[in-house]
Amino acid sequence: MEKITIKATVNVPITKVWEYWGAPEHITQWCQASDDWHAPSAKNDLRTGGKFTTRMEAKDGSFGFDFGGIYDEVIEHQLIAYTMEDGRTVKITFEEKGGATEIIETFDPESENPIDMQRGGWQAILDNFKTYAEKEK
């Protein structure tokens, strides 16, 4: 299957983007695709070989899952690449552009849900990150 790419330009310097992306206390504030979901907990060892897990749950308690994996490569303020627990890979690049930060995520789709649904869900989470980071700055 062809990889999916999403992107956003966050109007925050890259040092703050990196902090908000990697710190568990920030991850729990932005890592959901819609208002009826939340991330009640996150653990993140943001280094090559480090592990991460974010608990994602419907706020009504009807469904939840752990999203996690292992970092294959981490270059501070530039790149995060990881392999999810199901073997799919993700590559995220960060580039500072005049005080803003462009984030591009490319990931392997899963086979259960339509590509457009996956793209939309991941884009919604990235958009939540953008909103959160710009509010926090």
N, C-alpha and C. Protein backbone atom coordinates (compact mmCIF):
# COMPACT_ATOMS: atom_id res chain seq x y z
N MET A 1 0.83 -1.19 0.00
CA MET A 1 0.00 0.00 0.00
C MET A 1 0.87 1.25 0.00
N GLU A 2 0.38 2.27 -0.64
CA GLU A 2 1.09 3.54 -0.70
C GLU A 2 1.01 4.26 0.64
N LYS A 3 2.10 4.90 1.03
CA LYS A 3 2.14 5.64 2.29
C LYS A 3 1.20 6.84 2.23
N ILE A 4 0.76 7.30 3.40
CA ILE A 4 -0.10 8.47 3.53
C ILE A 4 0.75 9.61 4.08
N THR A 5 0.57 10.82 3.55
CA THR A 5 1.31 11.99 4.04
C THR A 5 0.32 13.07 4.46
N ILE A 6 0.59 13.64 5.63
CA ILE A 6 -0.18 14.79 6.13
C ILE A 6 0.82 15.86 6.53
N LYS A 7 0.34 17.10 6.65
CA LYS A 7 1.26 18.17 7.03
C LYS A 7 0.52 19.32 7.68
N ALA A 8 1.28 20.13 8.40
CA ALA A 8 0.76 21.35 9.01
C ALA A 8 1.92 22.31 9.25
N THR A 9 1.63 23.59 9.19
CA THR A 9 2.59 24.61 9.58
C THR A 9 2.10 25.19 10.89
N VAL A 10 2.93 25.06 11.91
CA VAL A 10 2.59 25.50 13.26
C VAL A 10 3.33 26.81 13.52
N ASN A 11 2.60 27.83 13.91
CA ASN A 11 3.19 29.15 14.09
C ASN A 11 3.84 29.27 15.47
N VAL A 12 4.82 28.40 15.68
CA VAL A 12 5.57 28.31 16.93
C VAL A 12 7.00 27.91 16.57
N PRO A 13 8.00 28.45 17.26
CA PRO A 13 9.39 28.05 16.99
C PRO A 13 9.60 26.55 17.23
N ILE A 14 10.56 26.00 16.53
CA ILE A 14 10.79 24.56 16.56
C ILE A 14 11.12 24.03 17.96
N THR A 15 11.78 24.83 18.80
CA THR A 15 12.11 24.36 20.15
C THR A 15 10.84 24.08 20.95
N LYS A 16 9.84 24.93 20.82
CA LYS A 16 8.56 24.72 21.51
C LYS A 16 7.78 23.57 20.88
N VAL A 17 7.80 23.48 19.56
CA VAL A 17 7.13 22.36 18.88
C VAL A 17 7.70 21.05 19.40
N TRP A 18 9.00 20.96 19.49
CA TRP A 18 9.66 19.73 19.95
C TRP A 18 9.22 19.40 21.39
N GLU A 19 9.17 20.42 22.23
CA GLU A 19 8.75 20.22 23.63
C GLU A 19 7.31 19.72 23.69
N TYR A 20 6.41 20.38 22.99
CA TYR A 20 4.99 20.00 23.03
C TYR A 20 4.75 18.64 22.39
N TRP A 21 5.54 18.28 21.39
CA TRP A 21 5.39 16.99 20.71
C TRP A 21 5.86 15.85 21.61
N GLY A 22 6.92 16.09 22.40
CA GLY A 22 7.56 14.99 23.10
C GLY A 22 7.24 14.80 24.57
N ALA A 23 6.77 15.83 25.25
CA ALA A 23 6.54 15.73 26.70
C ALA A 23 5.17 15.11 26.98
N PRO A 24 5.12 14.03 27.79
CA PRO A 24 3.84 13.37 28.07
C PRO A 24 2.75 14.30 28.57
N GLU A 25 3.10 15.29 29.40
CA GLU A 25 2.07 16.21 29.91
C GLU A 25 1.46 17.06 28.81
N HIS A 26 2.17 17.23 27.71
CA HIS A 26 1.60 17.94 26.56
C HIS A 26 0.86 16.97 25.63
N ILE A 27 1.43 15.77 25.42
CA ILE A 27 0.80 14.79 24.53
C ILE A 27 -0.64 14.52 24.95
N THR A 28 -0.88 14.42 26.25
CA THR A 28 -2.25 14.13 26.73
C THR A 28 -3.21 15.28 26.45
N GLN A 29 -2.70 16.43 26.12
CA GLN A 29 -3.56 17.59 25.85
C GLN A 29 -4.00 17.71 24.38
N TRP A 30 -3.24 17.09 23.47
CA TRP A 30 -3.54 17.28 22.05
C TRP A 30 -3.77 16.00 21.26
N CYS A 31 -3.45 14.84 21.81
CA CYS A 31 -3.44 13.61 21.01
C CYS A 31 -4.81 12.93 20.97
N GLN A 32 -5.72 13.52 20.20
CA GLN A 32 -7.01 12.92 19.92
C GLN A 32 -7.52 13.47 18.60
N ALA A 33 -8.33 12.65 17.92
CA ALA A 33 -8.81 13.04 16.60
C ALA A 33 -10.12 13.82 16.65
N SER A 34 -10.86 13.71 17.77
CA SER A 34 -12.13 14.43 17.88
C SER A 34 -12.40 14.75 19.35
N ASP A 35 -13.36 15.64 19.58
CA ASP A 35 -13.65 16.11 20.93
C ASP A 35 -14.23 15.03 21.84
N ASP A 36 -14.75 13.94 21.26
CA ASP A 36 -15.32 12.89 22.10
C ASP A 36 -14.27 11.83 22.50
N TRP A 37 -13.01 12.09 22.16
CA TRP A 37 -11.90 11.22 22.55
C TRP A 37 -10.92 12.02 23.39
N HIS A 38 -10.07 11.30 24.13
CA HIS A 38 -8.99 11.96 24.87
C HIS A 38 -7.84 10.97 25.04
N ALA A 39 -6.73 11.51 25.53
CA ALA A 39 -5.54 10.70 25.80
C ALA A 39 -5.25 10.84 27.29
N PRO A 40 -5.79 9.94 28.12
CA PRO A 40 -5.63 10.09 29.56
C PRO A 40 -4.22 9.86 30.08
N SER A 41 -3.38 9.17 29.30
CA SER A 41 -2.00 8.96 29.75
C SER A 41 -1.05 8.79 28.57
N ALA A 42 0.20 9.14 28.82
CA ALA A 42 1.24 8.99 27.80
C ALA A 42 2.57 8.75 28.49
N LYS A 43 3.39 7.90 27.88
CA LYS A 43 4.77 7.68 28.30
C LYS A 43 5.61 7.86 27.04
N ASN A 44 6.73 8.56 27.16
CA ASN A 44 7.51 8.84 25.96
C ASN A 44 8.99 8.96 26.29
N ASP A 45 9.78 8.07 25.71
CA ASP A 45 11.24 8.10 25.82
C ASP A 45 11.76 8.48 24.44
N LEU A 46 11.76 9.79 24.16
CA LEU A 46 12.04 10.32 22.82
C LEU A 46 13.54 10.30 22.51
N ARG A 47 14.00 9.10 22.12
CA ARG A 47 15.39 8.90 21.71
C ARG A 47 15.41 7.65 20.84
N THR A 48 16.43 7.53 20.00
CA THR A 48 16.57 6.34 19.17
C THR A 48 16.61 5.12 20.09
N GLY A 49 15.72 4.16 19.83
CA GLY A 49 15.60 2.97 20.65
C GLY A 49 14.61 3.10 21.79
N GLY A 50 14.14 4.32 22.06
CA GLY A 50 13.18 4.56 23.13
C GLY A 50 11.78 4.08 22.74
N LYS A 51 10.95 3.88 23.75
CA LYS A 51 9.58 3.42 23.54
C LYS A 51 8.59 4.52 23.91
N PHE A 52 7.41 4.44 23.31
CA PHE A 52 6.34 5.36 23.67
C PHE A 52 5.01 4.62 23.68
N THR A 53 4.09 5.10 24.50
CA THR A 53 2.73 4.60 24.53
C THR A 53 1.81 5.75 24.90
N THR A 54 0.75 5.91 24.15
CA THR A 54 -0.29 6.87 24.47
C THR A 54 -1.60 6.11 24.55
N ARG A 55 -2.30 6.28 25.66
CA ARG A 55 -3.61 5.65 25.83
C ARG A 55 -4.64 6.58 25.20
N MET A 56 -5.41 6.06 24.25
CA MET A 56 -6.45 6.84 23.59
C MET A 56 -7.79 6.18 23.92
N GLU A 57 -8.75 6.99 24.39
CA GLU A 57 -10.04 6.46 24.80
C GLU A 57 -11.18 7.38 24.40
N ALA A 58 -12.32 6.77 24.11
CA ALA A 58 -13.56 7.53 23.96
C ALA A 58 -13.90 8.08 25.34
N LYS A 59 -14.33 9.33 25.43
CA LYS A 59 -14.64 9.94 26.72
C LYS A 59 -15.78 9.23 27.43
N ASP A 60 -16.68 8.59 26.68
CA ASP A 60 -17.79 7.87 27.30
C ASP A 60 -17.40 6.48 27.80
N GLY A 61 -16.12 6.11 27.62
CA GLY A 61 -15.62 4.83 28.10
C GLY A 61 -15.97 3.63 27.24
N SER A 62 -16.56 3.86 26.07
CA SER A 62 -17.02 2.76 25.22
C SER A 62 -15.90 2.04 24.48
N PHE A 63 -14.75 2.69 24.30
CA PHE A 63 -13.67 2.08 23.54
C PHE A 63 -12.36 2.77 23.89
N GLY A 64 -11.26 2.04 23.80
CA GLY A 64 -9.95 2.62 24.03
C GLY A 64 -8.87 1.69 23.52
N PHE A 65 -7.70 2.24 23.31
CA PHE A 65 -6.57 1.42 22.86
C PHE A 65 -5.27 2.15 23.19
N ASP A 66 -4.20 1.37 23.23
CA ASP A 66 -2.87 1.94 23.41
C ASP A 66 -2.22 2.08 22.04
N PHE A 67 -1.69 3.27 21.78
CA PHE A 67 -0.96 3.54 20.56
C PHE A 67 0.50 3.65 20.96
N GLY A 68 1.34 2.76 20.41
CA GLY A 68 2.73 2.79 20.83
C GLY A 68 3.68 2.22 19.81
N GLY A 69 4.95 2.31 20.16
CA GLY A 69 5.99 1.79 19.28
C GLY A 69 7.37 2.08 19.82
N ILE A 70 8.34 1.91 18.94
CA ILE A 70 9.75 2.13 19.28
C ILE A 70 10.35 3.10 18.27
N TYR A 71 11.11 4.06 18.78
CA TYR A 71 11.76 5.04 17.90
C TYR A 71 12.94 4.41 17.18
N ASP A 72 12.91 4.49 15.85
CA ASP A 72 14.00 3.98 15.02
C ASP A 72 15.10 5.03 14.86
N GLU A 73 14.70 6.30 14.81
CA GLU A 73 15.67 7.39 14.64
C GLU A 73 15.06 8.68 15.18
N VAL A 74 15.83 9.37 16.00
CA VAL A 74 15.42 10.67 16.53
C VAL A 74 16.58 11.62 16.35
N ILE A 75 16.33 12.70 15.61
CA ILE A 75 17.31 13.78 15.45
C ILE A 75 16.61 15.04 15.95
N GLU A 76 17.08 15.54 17.09
CA GLU A 76 16.40 16.66 17.75
C GLU A 76 16.13 17.81 16.79
N HIS A 77 14.89 18.29 16.84
CA HIS A 77 14.41 19.43 16.04
C HIS A 77 14.36 19.14 14.54
N GLN A 78 14.52 17.87 14.13
CA GLN A 78 14.53 17.55 12.70
C GLN A 78 13.68 16.36 12.31
N LEU A 79 13.85 15.24 13.02
CA LEU A 79 13.26 13.99 12.55
C LEU A 79 12.88 13.07 13.70
N ILE A 80 11.71 12.44 13.54
CA ILE A 80 11.30 11.33 14.39
C ILE A 80 10.82 10.22 13.45
N ALA A 81 11.40 9.05 13.57
CA ALA A 81 10.95 7.88 12.80
C ALA A 81 10.71 6.76 13.79
N TYR A 82 9.58 6.07 13.63
CA TYR A 82 9.29 4.98 14.55
C TYR A 82 8.54 3.86 13.87
N THR A 83 8.56 2.71 14.54
CA THR A 83 7.80 1.55 14.11
C THR A 83 6.73 1.29 15.16
N MET A 84 5.48 1.25 14.71
CA MET A 84 4.37 0.97 15.61
C MET A 84 4.38 -0.50 16.01
N GLU A 85 3.64 -0.83 17.03
CA GLU A 85 3.59 -2.20 17.54
C GLU A 85 3.11 -3.19 16.49
N ASP A 86 2.34 -2.73 15.51
CA ASP A 86 1.85 -3.64 14.46
C ASP A 86 2.81 -3.74 13.27
N GLY A 87 3.98 -3.09 13.37
CA GLY A 87 4.99 -3.18 12.31
C GLY A 87 4.97 -2.07 11.28
N ARG A 88 3.94 -1.23 11.30
CA ARG A 88 3.89 -0.11 10.35
C ARG A 88 4.87 0.97 10.79
N THR A 89 5.36 1.75 9.81
CA THR A 89 6.36 2.77 10.12
C THR A 89 5.80 4.17 9.89
N VAL A 90 6.41 5.12 10.61
CA VAL A 90 6.03 6.53 10.55
C VAL A 90 7.32 7.35 10.49
N LYS A 91 7.31 8.38 9.66
CA LYS A 91 8.44 9.32 9.59
C LYS A 91 7.85 10.73 9.71
N ILE A 92 8.40 11.51 10.64
CA ILE A 92 7.94 12.87 10.86
C ILE A 92 9.14 13.80 10.73
N THR A 93 9.01 14.80 9.86
CA THR A 93 10.08 15.80 9.73
C THR A 93 9.58 17.13 10.26
N PHE A 94 10.51 17.87 10.82
CA PHE A 94 10.24 19.18 11.40
C PHE A 94 11.22 20.16 10.75
N GLU A 95 10.70 21.26 10.23
CA GLU A 95 11.57 22.26 9.61
C GLU A 95 11.12 23.64 10.01
N GLU A 96 12.05 24.39 10.61
CA GLU A 96 11.72 25.75 11.02
C GLU A 96 11.77 26.67 9.80
N LYS A 97 10.74 27.48 9.68
CA LYS A 97 10.63 28.42 8.56
C LYS A 97 10.17 29.76 9.10
N GLY A 98 11.13 30.65 9.34
CA GLY A 98 10.80 32.00 9.78
C GLY A 98 10.00 32.08 11.07
N GLY A 99 10.37 31.30 12.07
CA GLY A 99 9.68 31.32 13.35
C GLY A 99 8.50 30.36 13.45
N ALA A 100 8.10 29.78 12.33
CA ALA A 100 7.06 28.75 12.31
C ALA A 100 7.75 27.41 12.04
N THR A 101 7.01 26.33 12.24
CA THR A 101 7.57 24.99 12.05
C THR A 101 6.66 24.19 11.14
N GLU A 102 7.22 23.67 10.06
CA GLU A 102 6.46 22.79 9.17
C GLU A 102 6.68 21.35 9.64
N ILE A 103 5.56 20.65 9.83
CA ILE A 103 5.60 19.25 10.24
C ILE A 103 5.01 18.42 9.11
N ILE A 104 5.74 17.41 8.67
CA ILE A 104 5.26 16.49 7.64
C ILE A 104 5.35 15.08 8.20
N GLU A 105 4.21 14.39 8.22
CA GLU A 105 4.15 13.00 8.70
C GLU A 105 3.82 12.09 7.53
N THR A 106 4.57 11.03 7.39
CA THR A 106 4.32 10.02 6.37
C THR A 106 4.23 8.67 7.08
N PHE A 107 3.15 7.93 6.82
CA PHE A 107 2.96 6.68 7.55
C PHE A 107 2.35 5.60 6.67
N ASP A 108 2.61 4.36 7.08
CA ASP A 108 2.02 3.20 6.42
C ASP A 108 0.56 3.08 6.85
N PRO A 109 -0.36 2.92 5.91
CA PRO A 109 -1.76 2.72 6.29
C PRO A 109 -1.98 1.32 6.84
N GLU A 110 -3.05 1.18 7.61
CA GLU A 110 -3.46 -0.16 8.03
C GLU A 110 -4.50 -0.64 7.04
N SER A 111 -4.89 -1.89 7.13
CA SER A 111 -5.76 -2.47 6.10
C SER A 111 -7.24 -2.52 6.48
N GLU A 112 -7.60 -2.11 7.70
CA GLU A 112 -8.99 -2.22 8.14
C GLU A 112 -9.87 -1.05 7.71
N ASN A 113 -9.33 0.15 7.72
CA ASN A 113 -10.13 1.35 7.46
C ASN A 113 -9.74 2.00 6.13
N PRO A 114 -10.70 2.71 5.50
CA PRO A 114 -10.39 3.39 4.23
C PRO A 114 -9.26 4.41 4.39
N ILE A 115 -8.49 4.57 3.32
CA ILE A 115 -7.35 5.50 3.32
C ILE A 115 -7.78 6.91 3.70
N ASP A 116 -8.89 7.38 3.14
CA ASP A 116 -9.35 8.75 3.46
C ASP A 116 -9.67 8.90 4.94
N MET A 117 -10.22 7.87 5.55
CA MET A 117 -10.54 7.91 6.98
C MET A 117 -9.25 7.98 7.81
N GLN A 118 -8.26 7.19 7.42
CA GLN A 118 -6.98 7.22 8.13
C GLN A 118 -6.30 8.57 7.99
N ARG A 119 -6.26 9.08 6.76
CA ARG A 119 -5.65 10.39 6.52
C ARG A 119 -6.37 11.46 7.35
N GLY A 120 -7.69 11.41 7.35
CA GLY A 120 -8.48 12.39 8.10
C GLY A 120 -8.25 12.32 9.59
N GLY A 121 -8.16 11.11 10.13
CA GLY A 121 -7.92 10.95 11.57
C GLY A 121 -6.55 11.46 11.98
N TRP A 122 -5.53 11.08 11.24
CA TRP A 122 -4.18 11.54 11.56
C TRP A 122 -4.05 13.05 11.36
N GLN A 123 -4.70 13.58 10.32
CA GLN A 123 -4.65 15.03 10.09
C GLN A 123 -5.36 15.76 11.23
N ALA A 124 -6.47 15.21 11.72
CA ALA A 124 -7.19 15.83 12.83
C ALA A 124 -6.31 15.90 14.08
N ILE A 125 -5.55 14.84 14.35
CA ILE A 125 -4.65 14.86 15.50
C ILE A 125 -3.55 15.90 15.29
N LEU A 126 -2.99 15.97 14.09
CA LEU A 126 -1.96 16.98 13.80
C LEU A 126 -2.55 18.38 13.91
N ASP A 127 -3.76 18.57 13.46
CA ASP A 127 -4.43 19.88 13.58
C ASP A 127 -4.66 20.23 15.05
N ASN A 128 -5.01 19.23 15.88
CA ASN A 128 -5.15 19.48 17.32
C ASN A 128 -3.82 19.89 17.92
N PHE A 129 -2.73 19.25 17.46
CA PHE A 129 -1.40 19.64 17.93
C PHE A 129 -1.14 21.11 17.59
N LYS A 130 -1.41 21.50 16.36
CA LYS A 130 -1.20 22.87 15.90
C LYS A 130 -1.98 23.86 16.78
N THR A 131 -3.25 23.56 17.01
CA THR A 131 -4.09 24.43 17.84
C THR A 131 -3.53 24.54 19.25
N TYR A 132 -3.17 23.40 19.83
CA TYR A 132 -2.63 23.38 21.20
C TYR A 132 -1.31 24.17 21.27
N ALA A 133 -0.39 23.89 20.37
CA ALA A 133 0.93 24.55 20.41
C ALA A 133 0.80 26.05 20.23
N GLU A 134 -0.06 26.48 19.32
CA GLU A 134 -0.21 27.90 19.07
C GLU A 134 -0.88 28.61 20.25
N LYS A 135 -1.74 27.89 20.96
CA LYS A 135 -2.40 28.45 22.15
C LYS A 135 -1.41 28.56 23.31
N GLU A 136 -0.52 27.57 23.45
CA GLU A 136 0.42 27.51 24.57
C GLU A 136 1.58 28.48 24.46
N LYS A 137 1.94 28.84 23.23
CA LYS A 137 3.17 29.62 23.04
C LYS A 137 3.15 30.89 23.84
